[in-house]
Amino acid sequence: MVARVWFTYLICILDLYIGHRERRLKENMNLKYKLKEMLIEELQIEDLTPEEIADDTPLFGEGLGLDSLDAVELVVQLQVYFGVEIKNIEEGRPALQSINTLAQFVREKQSEATGSGA
């Protein structure tokens, strides 16, 4: 009887863990999609759809081909869309590498703002 209770308890914990992971995965995918839509709309990238931008594609140079003016606009739009601020180049350079790094940066900054940690 005790073994059955523990087994049921473990199954419930596992279900909660899996559900939490699935929610976080969906939230992460949704954030990346929103970032792609923001890039396309605000930087007027007319020849791409969000689905065509790989999460690890470099934003600058040979990737999407953004330039320094785009970087300034991107910093402004991150504040407008997501309420996060890039304060200096040391913070911005690693964040603006790809959609993956941008999404990670946004999540971390939003977590800091809500006090919930990363």
PDB file of N, CA and C in Angstrom:
ATOM      1  N   MET A   1       0.819  -1.202   0.000  1.00  0.00           N
ATOM      2  CA  MET A   1       0.000   0.000   0.000  1.00  0.00           C
ATOM      3  C   MET A   1       0.866   1.271   0.000  1.00  0.00           C
ATOM      4  N   VAL A   2       1.889   1.298   0.852  1.00  0.00           N
ATOM      5  CA  VAL A   2       2.772   2.464   0.920  1.00  0.00           C
ATOM      6  C   VAL A   2       3.514   2.635  -0.400  1.00  0.00           C
ATOM      7  N   ALA A   3       3.942   1.531  -0.987  1.00  0.00           N
ATOM      8  CA  ALA A   3       4.645   1.601  -2.266  1.00  0.00           C
ATOM      9  C   ALA A   3       3.737   2.184  -3.349  1.00  0.00           C
ATOM     10  N   ARG A   4       2.479   1.816  -3.344  1.00  0.00           N
ATOM     11  CA  ARG A   4       1.533   2.332  -4.332  1.00  0.00           C
ATOM     12  C   ARG A   4       1.341   3.851  -4.160  1.00  0.00           C
ATOM     13  N   VAL A   5       1.254   4.311  -2.923  1.00  0.00           N
ATOM     14  CA  VAL A   5       1.105   5.749  -2.649  1.00  0.00           C
ATOM     15  C   VAL A   5       2.329   6.506  -3.147  1.00  0.00           C
ATOM     16  N   TRP A   6       3.529   5.974  -2.847  1.00  0.00           N
ATOM     17  CA  TRP A   6       4.752   6.635  -3.301  1.00  0.00           C
ATOM     18  C   TRP A   6       4.843   6.649  -4.824  1.00  0.00           C
ATOM     19  N   PHE A   7       4.457   5.544  -5.436  1.00  0.00           N
ATOM     20  CA  PHE A   7       4.481   5.474  -6.887  1.00  0.00           C
ATOM     21  C   PHE A   7       3.534   6.518  -7.483  1.00  0.00           C
ATOM     22  N   THR A   8       2.336   6.624  -6.938  1.00  0.00           N
ATOM     23  CA  THR A   8       1.366   7.625  -7.409  1.00  0.00           C
ATOM     24  C   THR A   8       1.909   9.029  -7.210  1.00  0.00           C
ATOM     25  N   TYR A   9       2.521   9.262  -6.063  1.00  0.00           N
ATOM     26  CA  TYR A   9       3.124  10.561  -5.766  1.00  0.00           C
ATOM     27  C   TYR A   9       4.211  10.887  -6.791  1.00  0.00           C
ATOM     28  N   LEU A  10       5.077   9.934  -7.087  1.00  0.00           N
ATOM     29  CA  LEU A  10       6.148  10.158  -8.059  1.00  0.00           C
ATOM     30  C   LEU A  10       5.598  10.426  -9.450  1.00  0.00           C
ATOM     31  N   ILE A  11       4.555   9.724  -9.825  1.00  0.00           N
ATOM     32  CA  ILE A  11       3.924   9.954 -11.128  1.00  0.00           C
ATOM     33  C   ILE A  11       3.371  11.374 -11.202  1.00  0.00           C
ATOM     34  N   CYS A  12       2.742  11.835 -10.132  1.00  0.00           N
ATOM     35  CA  CYS A  12       2.204  13.211 -10.099  1.00  0.00           C
ATOM     36  C   CYS A  12       3.319  14.240 -10.228  1.00  0.00           C
ATOM     37  N   ILE A  13       4.410  14.028  -9.514  1.00  0.00           N
ATOM     38  CA  ILE A  13       5.554  14.945  -9.589  1.00  0.00           C
ATOM     39  C   ILE A  13       6.124  14.956 -11.004  1.00  0.00           C
ATOM     40  N   LEU A  14       6.258  13.785 -11.597  1.00  0.00           N
ATOM     41  CA  LEU A  14       6.772  13.687 -12.957  1.00  0.00           C
ATOM     42  C   LEU A  14       5.857  14.411 -13.944  1.00  0.00           C
ATOM     43  N   ASP A  15       4.537  14.248 -13.800  1.00  0.00           N
ATOM     44  CA  ASP A  15       3.581  14.946 -14.656  1.00  0.00           C
ATOM     45  C   ASP A  15       3.717  16.460 -14.519  1.00  0.00           C
ATOM     46  N   LEU A  16       3.877  16.932 -13.285  1.00  0.00           N
ATOM     47  CA  LEU A  16       4.058  18.373 -13.064  1.00  0.00           C
ATOM     48  C   LEU A  16       5.332  18.866 -13.730  1.00  0.00           C
ATOM     49  N   TYR A  17       6.419  18.105 -13.580  1.00  0.00           N
ATOM     50  CA  TYR A  17       7.698  18.482 -14.172  1.00  0.00           C
ATOM     51  C   TYR A  17       7.597  18.534 -15.691  1.00  0.00           C
ATOM     52  N   ILE A  18       7.016  17.514 -16.283  1.00  0.00           N
ATOM     53  CA  ILE A  18       6.882  17.469 -17.740  1.00  0.00           C
ATOM     54  C   ILE A  18       5.994  18.606 -18.226  1.00  0.00           C
ATOM     55  N   GLY A  19       4.897  18.865 -17.542  1.00  0.00           N
ATOM     56  CA  GLY A  19       4.014  19.970 -17.907  1.00  0.00           C
ATOM     57  C   GLY A  19       4.723  21.308 -17.836  1.00  0.00           C
ATOM     58  N   HIS A  20       5.533  21.495 -16.783  1.00  0.00           N
ATOM     59  CA  HIS A  20       6.289  22.742 -16.635  1.00  0.00           C
ATOM     60  C   HIS A  20       7.296  22.895 -17.770  1.00  0.00           C
ATOM     61  N   ARG A  21       8.000  21.809 -18.102  1.00  0.00           N
ATOM     62  CA  ARG A  21       8.969  21.859 -19.209  1.00  0.00           C
ATOM     63  C   ARG A  21       8.289  22.176 -20.522  1.00  0.00           C
ATOM     64  N   GLU A  22       7.139  21.563 -20.768  1.00  0.00           N
ATOM     65  CA  GLU A  22       6.415  21.814 -22.017  1.00  0.00           C
ATOM     66  C   GLU A  22       5.950  23.264 -22.097  1.00  0.00           C
ATOM     67  N   ARG A  23       5.463  23.815 -20.988  1.00  0.00           N
ATOM     68  CA  ARG A  23       5.042  25.228 -20.972  1.00  0.00           C
ATOM     69  C   ARG A  23       6.222  26.150 -21.254  1.00  0.00           C
ATOM     70  N   ARG A  24       7.367  25.873 -20.615  1.00  0.00           N
ATOM     71  CA  ARG A  24       8.547  26.710 -20.836  1.00  0.00           C
ATOM     72  C   ARG A  24       9.018  26.617 -22.282  1.00  0.00           C
ATOM     73  N   LEU A  25       8.958  25.424 -22.862  1.00  0.00           N
ATOM     74  CA  LEU A  25       9.343  25.252 -24.262  1.00  0.00           C
ATOM     75  C   LEU A  25       8.423  26.048 -25.175  1.00  0.00           C
ATOM     76  N   LYS A  26       7.109  25.981 -24.929  1.00  0.00           N
ATOM     77  CA  LYS A  26       6.155  26.749 -25.729  1.00  0.00           C
ATOM     78  C   LYS A  26       6.388  28.250 -25.568  1.00  0.00           C
ATOM     79  N   GLU A  27       6.615  28.703 -24.327  1.00  0.00           N
ATOM     80  CA  GLU A  27       6.878  30.123 -24.085  1.00  0.00           C
ATOM     81  C   GLU A  27       8.126  30.567 -24.828  1.00  0.00           C
ATOM     82  N   ASN A  28       9.168  29.735 -24.806  1.00  0.00           N
ATOM     83  CA  ASN A  28      10.413  30.064 -25.486  1.00  0.00           C
ATOM     84  C   ASN A  28      10.214  30.140 -26.997  1.00  0.00           C
ATOM     85  N   MET A  29       9.471  29.182 -27.552  1.00  0.00           N
ATOM     86  CA  MET A  29       9.202  29.203 -28.990  1.00  0.00           C
ATOM     87  C   MET A  29       8.366  30.419 -29.358  1.00  0.00           C
ATOM     88  N   ASN A  30       7.394  30.765 -28.522  1.00  0.00           N
ATOM     89  CA  ASN A  30       6.551  31.927 -28.765  1.00  0.00           C
ATOM     90  C   ASN A  30       7.388  33.219 -28.718  1.00  0.00           C
ATOM     91  N   LEU A  31       8.291  33.324 -27.743  1.00  0.00           N
ATOM     92  CA  LEU A  31       9.157  34.501 -27.638  1.00  0.00           C
ATOM     93  C   LEU A  31      10.027  34.634 -28.885  1.00  0.00           C
ATOM     94  N   LYS A  32      10.605  33.543 -29.328  1.00  0.00           N
ATOM     95  CA  LYS A  32      11.465  33.593 -30.519  1.00  0.00           C
ATOM     96  C   LYS A  32      10.658  34.014 -31.748  1.00  0.00           C
ATOM     97  N   TYR A  33       9.440  33.514 -31.862  1.00  0.00           N
ATOM     98  CA  TYR A  33       8.594  33.895 -32.990  1.00  0.00           C
ATOM     99  C   TYR A  33       8.263  35.388 -32.930  1.00  0.00           C
ATOM    100  N   LYS A  34       7.958  35.892 -31.742  1.00  0.00           N
ATOM    101  CA  LYS A  34       7.668  37.323 -31.574  1.00  0.00           C
ATOM    102  C   LYS A  34       8.889  38.171 -31.921  1.00  0.00           C
ATOM    103  N   LEU A  35      10.060  37.711 -31.525  1.00  0.00           N
ATOM    104  CA  LEU A  35      11.283  38.443 -31.867  1.00  0.00           C
ATOM    105  C   LEU A  35      11.480  38.495 -33.376  1.00  0.00           C
ATOM    106  N   LYS A  36      11.232  37.389 -34.041  1.00  0.00           N
ATOM    107  CA  LYS A  36      11.365  37.350 -35.501  1.00  0.00           C
ATOM    108  C   LYS A  36      10.360  38.290 -36.161  1.00  0.00           C
ATOM    109  N   GLU A  37       9.116  38.270 -35.682  1.00  0.00           N
ATOM    110  CA  GLU A  37       8.101  39.175 -36.232  1.00  0.00           C
ATOM    111  C   GLU A  37       8.501  40.631 -36.020  1.00  0.00           C
ATOM    112  N   MET A  38       9.031  40.941 -34.829  1.00  0.00           N
ATOM    113  CA  MET A  38       9.470  42.303 -34.540  1.00  0.00           C
ATOM    114  C   MET A  38      10.585  42.722 -35.495  1.00  0.00           C
ATOM    115  N   LEU A  39      11.562  41.845 -35.698  1.00  0.00           N
ATOM    116  CA  LEU A  39      12.659  42.160 -36.616  1.00  0.00           C
ATOM    117  C   LEU A  39      12.134  42.462 -38.012  1.00  0.00           C
ATOM    118  N   ILE A  40      11.272  41.603 -38.506  1.00  0.00           N
ATOM    119  CA  ILE A  40      10.750  41.749 -39.859  1.00  0.00           C
ATOM    120  C   ILE A  40       9.950  43.035 -40.000  1.00  0.00           C
ATOM    121  N   GLU A  41       9.075  43.285 -39.033  1.00  0.00           N
ATOM    122  CA  GLU A  41       8.207  44.463 -39.124  1.00  0.00           C
ATOM    123  C   GLU A  41       8.967  45.766 -38.894  1.00  0.00           C
ATOM    124  N   GLU A  42       9.718  45.831 -37.825  1.00  0.00           N
ATOM    125  CA  GLU A  42      10.353  47.096 -37.437  1.00  0.00           C
ATOM    126  C   GLU A  42      11.588  47.437 -38.265  1.00  0.00           C
ATOM    127  N   LEU A  43      12.293  46.418 -38.750  1.00  0.00           N
ATOM    128  CA  LEU A  43      13.481  46.673 -39.565  1.00  0.00           C
ATOM    129  C   LEU A  43      13.178  46.523 -41.050  1.00  0.00           C
ATOM    130  N   GLN A  44      11.908  46.308 -41.347  1.00  0.00           N
ATOM    131  CA  GLN A  44      11.412  46.236 -42.715  1.00  0.00           C
ATOM    132  C   GLN A  44      12.189  45.231 -43.564  1.00  0.00           C
ATOM    133  N   ILE A  45      12.277  44.016 -43.023  1.00  0.00           N
ATOM    134  CA  ILE A  45      12.896  42.913 -43.766  1.00  0.00           C
ATOM    135  C   ILE A  45      11.790  42.281 -44.596  1.00  0.00           C
ATOM    136  N   GLU A  46      11.724  42.633 -45.843  1.00  0.00           N
ATOM    137  CA  GLU A  46      10.577  42.297 -46.676  1.00  0.00           C
ATOM    138  C   GLU A  46      10.647  40.912 -47.319  1.00  0.00           C
ATOM    139  N   ASP A  47      11.810  40.340 -47.432  1.00  0.00           N
ATOM    140  CA  ASP A  47      11.933  39.093 -48.188  1.00  0.00           C
ATOM    141  C   ASP A  47      11.966  37.840 -47.321  1.00  0.00           C
ATOM    142  N   LEU A  48      11.658  37.959 -46.015  1.00  0.00           N
ATOM    143  CA  LEU A  48      11.681  36.810 -45.119  1.00  0.00           C
ATOM    144  C   LEU A  48      10.406  36.739 -44.282  1.00  0.00           C
ATOM    145  N   THR A  49      10.063  35.523 -43.899  1.00  0.00           N
ATOM    146  CA  THR A  49       8.987  35.297 -42.934  1.00  0.00           C
ATOM    147  C   THR A  49       9.638  34.789 -41.645  1.00  0.00           C
ATOM    148  N   PRO A  50       8.924  34.839 -40.520  1.00  0.00           N
ATOM    149  CA  PRO A  50       9.504  34.315 -39.269  1.00  0.00           C
ATOM    150  C   PRO A  50       9.951  32.859 -39.391  1.00  0.00           C
ATOM    151  N   GLU A  51       9.196  32.079 -40.130  1.00  0.00           N
ATOM    152  CA  GLU A  51       9.538  30.666 -40.296  1.00  0.00           C
ATOM    153  C   GLU A  51      10.851  30.469 -41.043  1.00  0.00           C
ATOM    154  N   GLU A  52      11.245  31.421 -41.850  1.00  0.00           N
ATOM    155  CA  GLU A  52      12.471  31.302 -42.653  1.00  0.00           C
ATOM    156  C   GLU A  52      13.724  31.746 -41.903  1.00  0.00           C
ATOM    157  N   ILE A  53      13.556  32.323 -40.740  1.00  0.00           N
ATOM    158  CA  ILE A  53      14.708  32.763 -39.942  1.00  0.00           C
ATOM    159  C   ILE A  53      15.027  31.676 -38.921  1.00  0.00           C
ATOM    160  N   ALA A  54      16.184  31.048 -39.074  1.00  0.00           N
ATOM    161  CA  ALA A  54      16.604  30.025 -38.114  1.00  0.00           C
ATOM    162  C   ALA A  54      16.996  30.704 -36.801  1.00  0.00           C
ATOM    163  N   ASP A  55      16.744  30.014 -35.715  1.00  0.00           N
ATOM    164  CA  ASP A  55      17.015  30.582 -34.395  1.00  0.00           C
ATOM    165  C   ASP A  55      18.487  30.906 -34.178  1.00  0.00           C
ATOM    166  N   ASP A  56      19.372  30.207 -34.869  1.00  0.00           N
ATOM    167  CA  ASP A  56      20.800  30.436 -34.684  1.00  0.00           C
ATOM    168  C   ASP A  56      21.448  31.238 -35.812  1.00  0.00           C
ATOM    169  N   THR A  57      20.637  31.771 -36.720  1.00  0.00           N
ATOM    170  CA  THR A  57      21.165  32.611 -37.800  1.00  0.00           C
ATOM    171  C   THR A  57      21.753  33.897 -37.216  1.00  0.00           C
ATOM    172  N   PRO A  58      22.981  34.245 -37.582  1.00  0.00           N
ATOM    173  CA  PRO A  58      23.546  35.512 -37.106  1.00  0.00           C
ATOM    174  C   PRO A  58      22.676  36.691 -37.572  1.00  0.00           C
ATOM    175  N   LEU A  59      22.461  37.651 -36.687  1.00  0.00           N
ATOM    176  CA  LEU A  59      21.640  38.805 -37.044  1.00  0.00           C
ATOM    177  C   LEU A  59      22.406  39.776 -37.934  1.00  0.00           C
ATOM    178  N   PHE A  60      23.711  39.839 -37.752  1.00  0.00           N
ATOM    179  CA  PHE A  60      24.535  40.810 -38.486  1.00  0.00           C
ATOM    180  C   PHE A  60      25.450  40.091 -39.470  1.00  0.00           C
ATOM    181  N   GLY A  61      26.039  40.864 -40.375  1.00  0.00           N
ATOM    182  CA  GLY A  61      26.985  40.298 -41.331  1.00  0.00           C
ATOM    183  C   GLY A  61      26.315  39.350 -42.307  1.00  0.00           C
ATOM    184  N   GLU A  62      26.900  38.188 -42.473  1.00  0.00           N
ATOM    185  CA  GLU A  62      26.441  37.217 -43.464  1.00  0.00           C
ATOM    186  C   GLU A  62      25.106  36.563 -43.119  1.00  0.00           C
ATOM    187  N   GLY A  63      24.633  36.746 -41.896  1.00  0.00           N
ATOM    188  CA  GLY A  63      23.344  36.174 -41.503  1.00  0.00           C
ATOM    189  C   GLY A  63      22.201  36.966 -42.114  1.00  0.00           C
ATOM    190  N   LEU A  64      21.483  37.712 -41.281  1.00  0.00           N
ATOM    191  CA  LEU A  64      20.378  38.544 -41.778  1.00  0.00           C
ATOM    192  C   LEU A  64      20.868  39.825 -42.425  1.00  0.00           C
ATOM    193  N   GLY A  65      22.135  40.144 -42.214  1.00  0.00           N
ATOM    194  CA  GLY A  65      22.704  41.321 -42.860  1.00  0.00           C
ATOM    195  C   GLY A  65      22.368  42.641 -42.188  1.00  0.00           C
ATOM    196  N   LEU A  66      21.992  42.609 -40.908  1.00  0.00           N
ATOM    197  CA  LEU A  66      21.709  43.863 -40.213  1.00  0.00           C
ATOM    198  C   LEU A  66      22.985  44.673 -40.066  1.00  0.00           C
ATOM    199  N   ASP A  67      22.825  46.003 -39.915  1.00  0.00           N
ATOM    200  CA  ASP A  67      23.978  46.886 -39.749  1.00  0.00           C
ATOM    201  C   ASP A  67      23.845  47.665 -38.445  1.00  0.00           C
ATOM    202  N   SER A  68      24.742  48.617 -38.226  1.00  0.00           N
ATOM    203  CA  SER A  68      24.768  49.348 -36.957  1.00  0.00           C
ATOM    204  C   SER A  68      23.507  50.190 -36.737  1.00  0.00           C
ATOM    205  N   LEU A  69      22.929  50.729 -37.801  1.00  0.00           N
ATOM    206  CA  LEU A  69      21.669  51.470 -37.648  1.00  0.00           C
ATOM    207  C   LEU A  69      20.534  50.538 -37.236  1.00  0.00           C
ATOM    208  N   ASP A  70      20.540  49.334 -37.791  1.00  0.00           N
ATOM    209  CA  ASP A  70      19.556  48.331 -37.390  1.00  0.00           C
ATOM    210  C   ASP A  70      19.730  47.968 -35.920  1.00  0.00           C
ATOM    211  N   ALA A  71      20.980  47.915 -35.458  1.00  0.00           N
ATOM    212  CA  ALA A  71      21.253  47.585 -34.057  1.00  0.00           C
ATOM    213  C   ALA A  71      20.627  48.616 -33.129  1.00  0.00           C
ATOM    214  N   VAL A  72      20.766  49.885 -33.485  1.00  0.00           N
ATOM    215  CA  VAL A  72      20.174  50.957 -32.676  1.00  0.00           C
ATOM    216  C   VAL A  72      18.656  50.801 -32.647  1.00  0.00           C
ATOM    217  N   GLU A  73      18.046  50.567 -33.788  1.00  0.00           N
ATOM    218  CA  GLU A  73      16.595  50.387 -33.857  1.00  0.00           C
ATOM    219  C   GLU A  73      16.159  49.149 -33.081  1.00  0.00           C
ATOM    220  N   LEU A  74      16.938  48.094 -33.166  1.00  0.00           N
ATOM    221  CA  LEU A  74      16.626  46.864 -32.447  1.00  0.00           C
ATOM    222  C   LEU A  74      16.637  47.085 -30.934  1.00  0.00           C
ATOM    223  N   VAL A  75      17.610  47.824 -30.447  1.00  0.00           N
ATOM    224  CA  VAL A  75      17.680  48.142 -29.020  1.00  0.00           C
ATOM    225  C   VAL A  75      16.427  48.918 -28.585  1.00  0.00           C
ATOM    226  N   VAL A  76      16.013  49.884 -29.392  1.00  0.00           N
ATOM    227  CA  VAL A  76      14.809  50.659 -29.086  1.00  0.00           C
ATOM    228  C   VAL A  76      13.580  49.755 -29.081  1.00  0.00           C
ATOM    229  N   GLN A  77      13.463  48.901 -30.060  1.00  0.00           N
ATOM    230  CA  GLN A  77      12.281  48.044 -30.175  1.00  0.00           C
ATOM    231  C   GLN A  77      12.229  46.985 -29.073  1.00  0.00           C
ATOM    232  N   LEU A  78      13.358  46.530 -28.590  1.00  0.00           N
ATOM    233  CA  LEU A  78      13.357  45.606 -27.448  1.00  0.00           C
ATOM    234  C   LEU A  78      12.733  46.269 -26.222  1.00  0.00           C
ATOM    235  N   GLN A  79      13.017  47.550 -26.053  1.00  0.00           N
ATOM    236  CA  GLN A  79      12.422  48.305 -24.945  1.00  0.00           C
ATOM    237  C   GLN A  79      10.915  48.444 -25.149  1.00  0.00           C
ATOM    238  N   VAL A  80      10.508  48.771 -26.366  1.00  0.00           N
ATOM    239  CA  VAL A  80       9.088  48.980 -26.664  1.00  0.00           C
ATOM    240  C   VAL A  80       8.295  47.679 -26.550  1.00  0.00           C
ATOM    241  N   TYR A  81       8.763  46.624 -27.185  1.00  0.00           N
ATOM    242  CA  TYR A  81       8.018  45.364 -27.256  1.00  0.00           C
ATOM    243  C   TYR A  81       8.092  44.544 -25.965  1.00  0.00           C
ATOM    244  N   PHE A  82       9.287  44.509 -25.357  1.00  0.00           N
ATOM    245  CA  PHE A  82       9.504  43.568 -24.259  1.00  0.00           C
ATOM    246  C   PHE A  82       9.873  44.231 -22.936  1.00  0.00           C
ATOM    247  N   GLY A  83      10.054  45.536 -22.934  1.00  0.00           N
ATOM    248  CA  GLY A  83      10.369  46.244 -21.703  1.00  0.00           C
ATOM    249  C   GLY A  83      11.752  45.953 -21.160  1.00  0.00           C
ATOM    250  N   VAL A  84      12.671  45.553 -22.033  1.00  0.00           N
ATOM    251  CA  VAL A  84      14.040  45.282 -21.597  1.00  0.00           C
ATOM    252  C   VAL A  84      14.985  46.291 -22.242  1.00  0.00           C
ATOM    253  N   GLU A  85      16.033  46.596 -21.521  1.00  0.00           N
ATOM    254  CA  GLU A  85      16.962  47.631 -21.967  1.00  0.00           C
ATOM    255  C   GLU A  85      18.374  47.065 -22.087  1.00  0.00           C
ATOM    256  N   ILE A  86      18.991  47.358 -23.204  1.00  0.00           N
ATOM    257  CA  ILE A  86      20.417  47.059 -23.379  1.00  0.00           C
ATOM    258  C   ILE A  86      21.153  48.344 -23.042  1.00  0.00           C
ATOM    259  N   LYS A  87      21.925  48.291 -21.974  1.00  0.00           N
ATOM    260  CA  LYS A  87      22.514  49.518 -21.433  1.00  0.00           C
ATOM    261  C   LYS A  87      23.857  49.899 -22.034  1.00  0.00           C
ATOM    262  N   ASN A  88      24.592  48.901 -22.536  1.00  0.00           N
ATOM    263  CA  ASN A  88      25.912  49.214 -23.085  1.00  0.00           C
ATOM    264  C   ASN A  88      26.334  48.127 -24.065  1.00  0.00           C
ATOM    265  N   ILE A  89      27.449  48.357 -24.716  1.00  0.00           N
ATOM    266  CA  ILE A  89      27.918  47.434 -25.758  1.00  0.00           C
ATOM    267  C   ILE A  89      28.332  46.081 -25.179  1.00  0.00           C
ATOM    268  N   GLU A  90      28.847  46.073 -23.937  1.00  0.00           N
ATOM    269  CA  GLU A  90      29.242  44.815 -23.315  1.00  0.00           C
ATOM    270  C   GLU A  90      28.029  43.912 -23.095  1.00  0.00           C
ATOM    271  N   GLU A  91      26.896  44.516 -22.830  1.00  0.00           N
ATOM    272  CA  GLU A  91      25.661  43.767 -22.649  1.00  0.00           C
ATOM    273  C   GLU A  91      25.020  43.439 -24.002  1.00  0.00           C
ATOM    274  N   GLY A  92      25.120  44.372 -24.935  1.00  0.00           N
ATOM    275  CA  GLY A  92      24.453  44.224 -26.216  1.00  0.00           C
ATOM    276  C   GLY A  92      25.110  43.260 -27.175  1.00  0.00           C
ATOM    277  N   ARG A  93      26.415  43.276 -27.229  1.00  0.00           N
ATOM    278  CA  ARG A  93      27.123  42.445 -28.221  1.00  0.00           C
ATOM    279  C   ARG A  93      26.754  40.964 -28.099  1.00  0.00           C
ATOM    280  N   PRO A  94      26.829  40.354 -26.917  1.00  0.00           N
ATOM    281  CA  PRO A  94      26.454  38.931 -26.857  1.00  0.00           C
ATOM    282  C   PRO A  94      24.956  38.693 -27.054  1.00  0.00           C
ATOM    283  N   ALA A  95      24.135  39.652 -26.665  1.00  0.00           N
ATOM    284  CA  ALA A  95      22.679  39.485 -26.785  1.00  0.00           C
ATOM    285  C   ALA A  95      22.213  39.556 -28.232  1.00  0.00           C
ATOM    286  N   LEU A  96      22.888  40.332 -29.046  1.00  0.00           N
ATOM    287  CA  LEU A  96      22.440  40.583 -30.417  1.00  0.00           C
ATOM    288  C   LEU A  96      23.096  39.664 -31.452  1.00  0.00           C
ATOM    289  N   GLN A  97      23.489  38.490 -31.047  1.00  0.00           N
ATOM    290  CA  GLN A  97      24.135  37.554 -31.974  1.00  0.00           C
ATOM    291  C   GLN A  97      23.137  36.814 -32.845  1.00  0.00           C
ATOM    292  N   SER A  98      22.039  36.354 -32.252  1.00  0.00           N
ATOM    293  CA  SER A  98      21.055  35.538 -32.966  1.00  0.00           C
ATOM    294  C   SER A  98      19.718  35.624 -32.245  1.00  0.00           C
ATOM    295  N   ILE A  99      18.705  34.997 -32.806  1.00  0.00           N
ATOM    296  CA  ILE A  99      17.404  34.931 -32.129  1.00  0.00           C
ATOM    297  C   ILE A  99      17.554  34.181 -30.816  1.00  0.00           C
ATOM    298  N   ASN A 100      18.344  33.108 -30.799  1.00  0.00           N
ATOM    299  CA  ASN A 100      18.562  32.355 -29.560  1.00  0.00           C
ATOM    300  C   ASN A 100      19.132  33.228 -28.458  1.00  0.00           C
ATOM    301  N   THR A 101      20.184  33.989 -28.773  1.00  0.00           N
ATOM    302  CA  THR A 101      20.806  34.817 -27.738  1.00  0.00           C
ATOM    303  C   THR A 101      19.904  35.977 -27.348  1.00  0.00           C
ATOM    304  N   LEU A 102      19.160  36.488 -28.296  1.00  0.00           N
ATOM    305  CA  LEU A 102      18.232  37.576 -28.013  1.00  0.00           C
ATOM    306  C   LEU A 102      17.107  37.093 -27.095  1.00  0.00           C
ATOM    307  N   ALA A 103      16.571  35.926 -27.374  1.00  0.00           N
ATOM    308  CA  ALA A 103      15.506  35.366 -26.537  1.00  0.00           C
ATOM    309  C   ALA A 103      16.019  35.100 -25.123  1.00  0.00           C
ATOM    310  N   GLN A 104      17.219  34.570 -25.013  1.00  0.00           N
ATOM    311  CA  GLN A 104      17.800  34.316 -23.694  1.00  0.00           C
ATOM    312  C   GLN A 104      17.959  35.624 -22.926  1.00  0.00           C
ATOM    313  N   PHE A 105      18.443  36.665 -23.593  1.00  0.00           N
ATOM    314  CA  PHE A 105      18.625  37.964 -22.971  1.00  0.00           C
ATOM    315  C   PHE A 105      17.283  38.515 -22.471  1.00  0.00           C
ATOM    316  N   VAL A 106      16.261  38.464 -23.315  1.00  0.00           N
ATOM    317  CA  VAL A 106      14.939  38.981 -22.942  1.00  0.00           C
ATOM    318  C   VAL A 106      14.399  38.220 -21.742  1.00  0.00           C
ATOM    319  N   ARG A 107      14.484  36.891 -21.773  1.00  0.00           N
ATOM    320  CA  ARG A 107      14.004  36.078 -20.643  1.00  0.00           C
ATOM    321  C   ARG A 107      14.722  36.447 -19.355  1.00  0.00           C
ATOM    322  N   GLU A 108      16.043  36.569 -19.420  1.00  0.00           N
ATOM    323  CA  GLU A 108      16.824  36.900 -18.225  1.00  0.00           C
ATOM    324  C   GLU A 108      16.448  38.277 -17.682  1.00  0.00           C
ATOM    325  N   LYS A 109      16.331  39.262 -18.559  1.00  0.00           N
ATOM    326  CA  LYS A 109      15.992  40.615 -18.116  1.00  0.00           C
ATOM    327  C   LYS A 109      14.582  40.677 -17.537  1.00  0.00           C
ATOM    328  N   GLN A 110      13.640  39.979 -18.169  1.00  0.00           N
ATOM    329  CA  GLN A 110      12.278  39.966 -17.647  1.00  0.00           C
ATOM    330  C   GLN A 110      12.214  39.242 -16.311  1.00  0.00           C
ATOM    331  N   SER A 111      13.003  38.182 -16.159  1.00  0.00           N
ATOM    332  CA  SER A 111      13.059  37.470 -14.881  1.00  0.00           C
ATOM    333  C   SER A 111      13.639  38.349 -13.786  1.00  0.00           C
ATOM    334  N   GLU A 112      14.692  39.078 -14.125  1.00  0.00           N
ATOM    335  CA  GLU A 112      15.289  40.007 -13.156  1.00  0.00           C
ATOM    336  C   GLU A 112      14.275  41.065 -12.723  1.00  0.00           C
ATOM    337  N   ALA A 113      13.511  41.554 -13.686  1.00  0.00           N
ATOM    338  CA  ALA A 113      12.536  42.615 -13.384  1.00  0.00           C
ATOM    339  C   ALA A 113      11.422  42.118 -12.475  1.00  0.00           C
ATOM    340  N   THR A 114      11.042  40.842 -12.628  1.00  0.00           N
ATOM    341  CA  THR A 114       9.975  40.296 -11.800  1.00  0.00           C
ATOM    342  C   THR A 114      10.518  39.665 -10.520  1.00  0.00           C
ATOM    343  N   GLY A 115      11.853  39.564 -10.445  1.00  0.00           N
ATOM    344  CA  GLY A 115      12.465  39.000  -9.250  1.00  0.00           C
ATOM    345  C   GLY A 115      12.337  37.495  -9.136  1.00  0.00           C
ATOM    346  N   SER A 116      12.049  36.822 -10.256  1.00  0.00           N
ATOM    347  CA  SER A 116      11.843  35.379 -10.200  1.00  0.00           C
ATOM    348  C   SER A 116      13.088  34.589 -10.558  1.00  0.00           C
ATOM    349  N   GLY A 117      14.176  35.240 -10.899  1.00  0.00           N
ATOM    350  CA  GLY A 117      15.399  34.528 -11.287  1.00  0.00           C
ATOM    351  C   GLY A 117      15.279  33.904 -12.648  1.00  0.00           C
ATOM    352  N   ALA A 118      16.400  33.313 -13.141  1.00  0.00           N
ATOM    353  CA  ALA A 118      16.385  32.734 -14.484  1.00  0.00           C
ATOM    354  C   ALA A 118      16.032  31.290 -14.512  1.00  0.00           C
TER     355      ALA A 118
END
